[in-house]
Protein backbone atom coordinates (compact mmCIF):
# COMPACT_ATOMS: atom_id res chain seq x y z
CA MET A 1 28.22 -36.16 36.82
CA ARG A 2 27.50 -39.19 34.66
CA PRO A 3 28.54 -39.00 30.99
CA ASP A 4 24.98 -39.40 29.71
CA LEU A 5 23.82 -36.51 31.94
CA PHE A 6 26.76 -34.44 30.76
CA GLU A 7 25.78 -35.04 27.12
CA LYS A 8 22.14 -34.19 27.83
CA ALA A 9 23.20 -30.98 29.61
CA ARG A 10 25.49 -30.06 26.68
CA GLU A 11 22.61 -30.68 24.26
CA LEU A 12 20.30 -28.43 26.28
CA ILE A 13 22.92 -25.68 26.40
CA ASN A 14 23.33 -25.86 22.62
CA LYS A 15 19.57 -25.62 22.12
CA ILE A 16 19.41 -22.60 24.43
CA GLU A 17 22.22 -20.87 22.54
CA GLU A 18 20.53 -21.56 19.20
CA LEU A 19 17.22 -20.17 20.48
CA LYS A 20 19.00 -17.08 21.81
CA ARG A 21 20.50 -16.47 18.36
CA LYS A 22 17.04 -16.78 16.79
CA ALA A 23 15.62 -14.36 19.37
CA GLU A 24 18.39 -11.86 18.55
CA GLU A 25 17.64 -12.15 14.83
CA ILE A 26 13.94 -11.58 15.48
CA GLU A 27 14.75 -8.61 17.73
CA GLU A 28 16.86 -7.08 14.96
CA ARG A 29 14.02 -7.59 12.46
CA ILE A 30 11.59 -5.99 14.95
CA ARG A 31 13.85 -2.91 15.15
CA GLU A 32 13.99 -2.69 11.34
CA VAL A 33 10.19 -2.92 11.01
CA GLU A 34 9.67 -0.32 13.76
CA GLU A 35 12.07 2.08 12.02
CA GLU A 36 10.23 1.60 8.74
CA LEU A 37 6.88 2.18 10.47
CA ASN A 38 8.18 5.38 12.06
CA SER A 39 9.31 6.66 8.65
CA LEU A 40 5.80 6.31 7.18
CA PRO A 41 3.33 9.20 7.37
CA PRO A 42 0.70 9.17 10.13
CA GLY A 43 -2.83 7.96 9.51
CA TRP A 44 -4.43 5.03 7.75
CA ILE A 45 -6.66 4.14 4.83
CA GLU A 46 -10.20 2.96 5.48
CA GLU A 47 -12.21 1.04 2.95
CA LYS A 48 -15.95 1.67 2.98
CA TRP A 49 -18.62 0.01 0.91
CA VAL A 50 -22.00 1.27 -0.15
CA LEU A 51 -24.84 0.04 -2.29
CA ASN A 52 -25.62 2.13 -5.34
CA LYS A 53 -29.13 2.79 -6.63
CA ILE A 54 -29.41 -0.55 -8.38
CA GLY A 55 -28.17 -2.48 -5.34
CA ARG A 56 -24.59 -3.18 -6.40
CA LYS A 57 -21.90 -3.01 -3.81
CA TYR A 58 -18.90 -0.76 -4.49
CA TYR A 59 -15.96 0.43 -2.46
CA TYR A 60 -14.38 3.79 -1.86
CA TYR A 61 -11.51 4.90 0.33
CA TYR A 62 -10.92 7.48 3.04
CA TYR A 63 -7.70 8.68 4.54
CA ARG A 64 -7.98 9.11 8.31
CA ASP A 65 -5.61 10.35 10.94
CA SER A 66 -5.92 10.66 14.71
CA SER A 67 -8.20 13.67 14.41
CA LYS A 68 -11.87 13.36 13.53
CA HIS A 69 -11.22 14.65 10.02
CA SER A 70 -10.98 12.37 7.03
CA ILE A 71 -10.21 12.88 3.37
CA TYR A 72 -12.25 11.21 0.64
CA LEU A 73 -9.90 9.44 -1.76
CA GLY A 74 -12.40 7.95 -4.22
CA ARG A 75 -12.64 4.50 -5.71
CA THR A 76 -8.89 4.10 -6.10
CA ILE A 77 -6.08 5.03 -3.76
CA PRO A 78 -3.89 7.86 -5.12
CA PRO A 79 -0.16 7.10 -5.40
CA GLU A 80 0.79 9.46 -2.56
CA PHE A 81 -1.33 7.36 -0.16
CA GLN A 82 -0.09 3.94 -1.32
CA LYS A 83 2.55 3.87 1.43
CA LEU A 84 -0.18 3.74 4.04
CA LEU A 85 -1.32 0.36 2.74
CA LYS A 86 2.12 -0.99 3.57
CA LYS A 87 1.71 0.30 7.11
CA LYS A 88 -1.00 -2.24 7.90
CA GLN A 89 1.14 -5.09 6.59
CA LEU A 90 4.10 -3.92 8.65
CA LYS A 91 1.98 -3.76 11.80
CA GLN A 92 0.81 -7.33 11.22
CA LEU A 93 4.41 -8.44 10.63
CA LEU A 94 5.50 -6.69 13.82
CA LYS A 95 2.77 -8.43 15.80
CA GLU A 96 3.81 -11.83 14.39
CA LEU A 97 7.51 -11.19 15.13
CA ARG A 98 6.74 -10.25 18.72
CA ARG A 99 4.64 -13.39 19.10
CA GLN A 100 7.48 -15.54 17.75
CA LYS A 101 9.97 -13.87 20.08
CA LYS A 102 7.73 -14.51 23.08
CA ILE A 103 7.43 -18.20 22.14
CA ILE A 104 11.21 -18.50 21.82
CA GLU A 105 11.73 -16.82 25.19
CA GLN A 106 9.28 -19.28 26.77
CA GLN A 107 11.16 -22.18 25.18
CA ILE A 108 14.44 -20.84 26.56
CA GLN A 109 12.98 -20.63 30.05
CA THR A 110 11.66 -24.19 29.78
CA LEU A 111 15.06 -25.47 28.65
CA LYS A 112 16.81 -23.61 31.47
CA ARG A 113 14.50 -25.23 34.03
CA GLU A 114 15.15 -28.62 32.46
CA LEU A 115 18.89 -27.96 32.55
CA LEU A 116 18.75 -27.10 36.24
CA ASN A 117 17.06 -30.45 36.88
CA TYR A 118 20.09 -32.21 35.39
CA LEU A 119 22.61 -30.28 37.48
């Protein structure tokens, strides 16, 4: 194996190892977010808007769960339901983390194919 090919192969291996470490960190963060999501109460908050008699738009909130029942919360969300707002943010974070992990895994596969071309 020529020295320049050896250096290129070593560089690719280092990149693969670095990406694997990043993927592991993301996987750990995914586990943490999933645990936090599982600790939150079931259901979600829905925001509805209506027009009042003079045509002004205002919002009110409902708590919903998997059943067809909902609970009217009013114009502000009571403190005991505030945790459910965090749930939506956590789900978005989880989605983004999974997307990042998938991209990293694709990069690793590409680098592995490239490395096999050098060997």
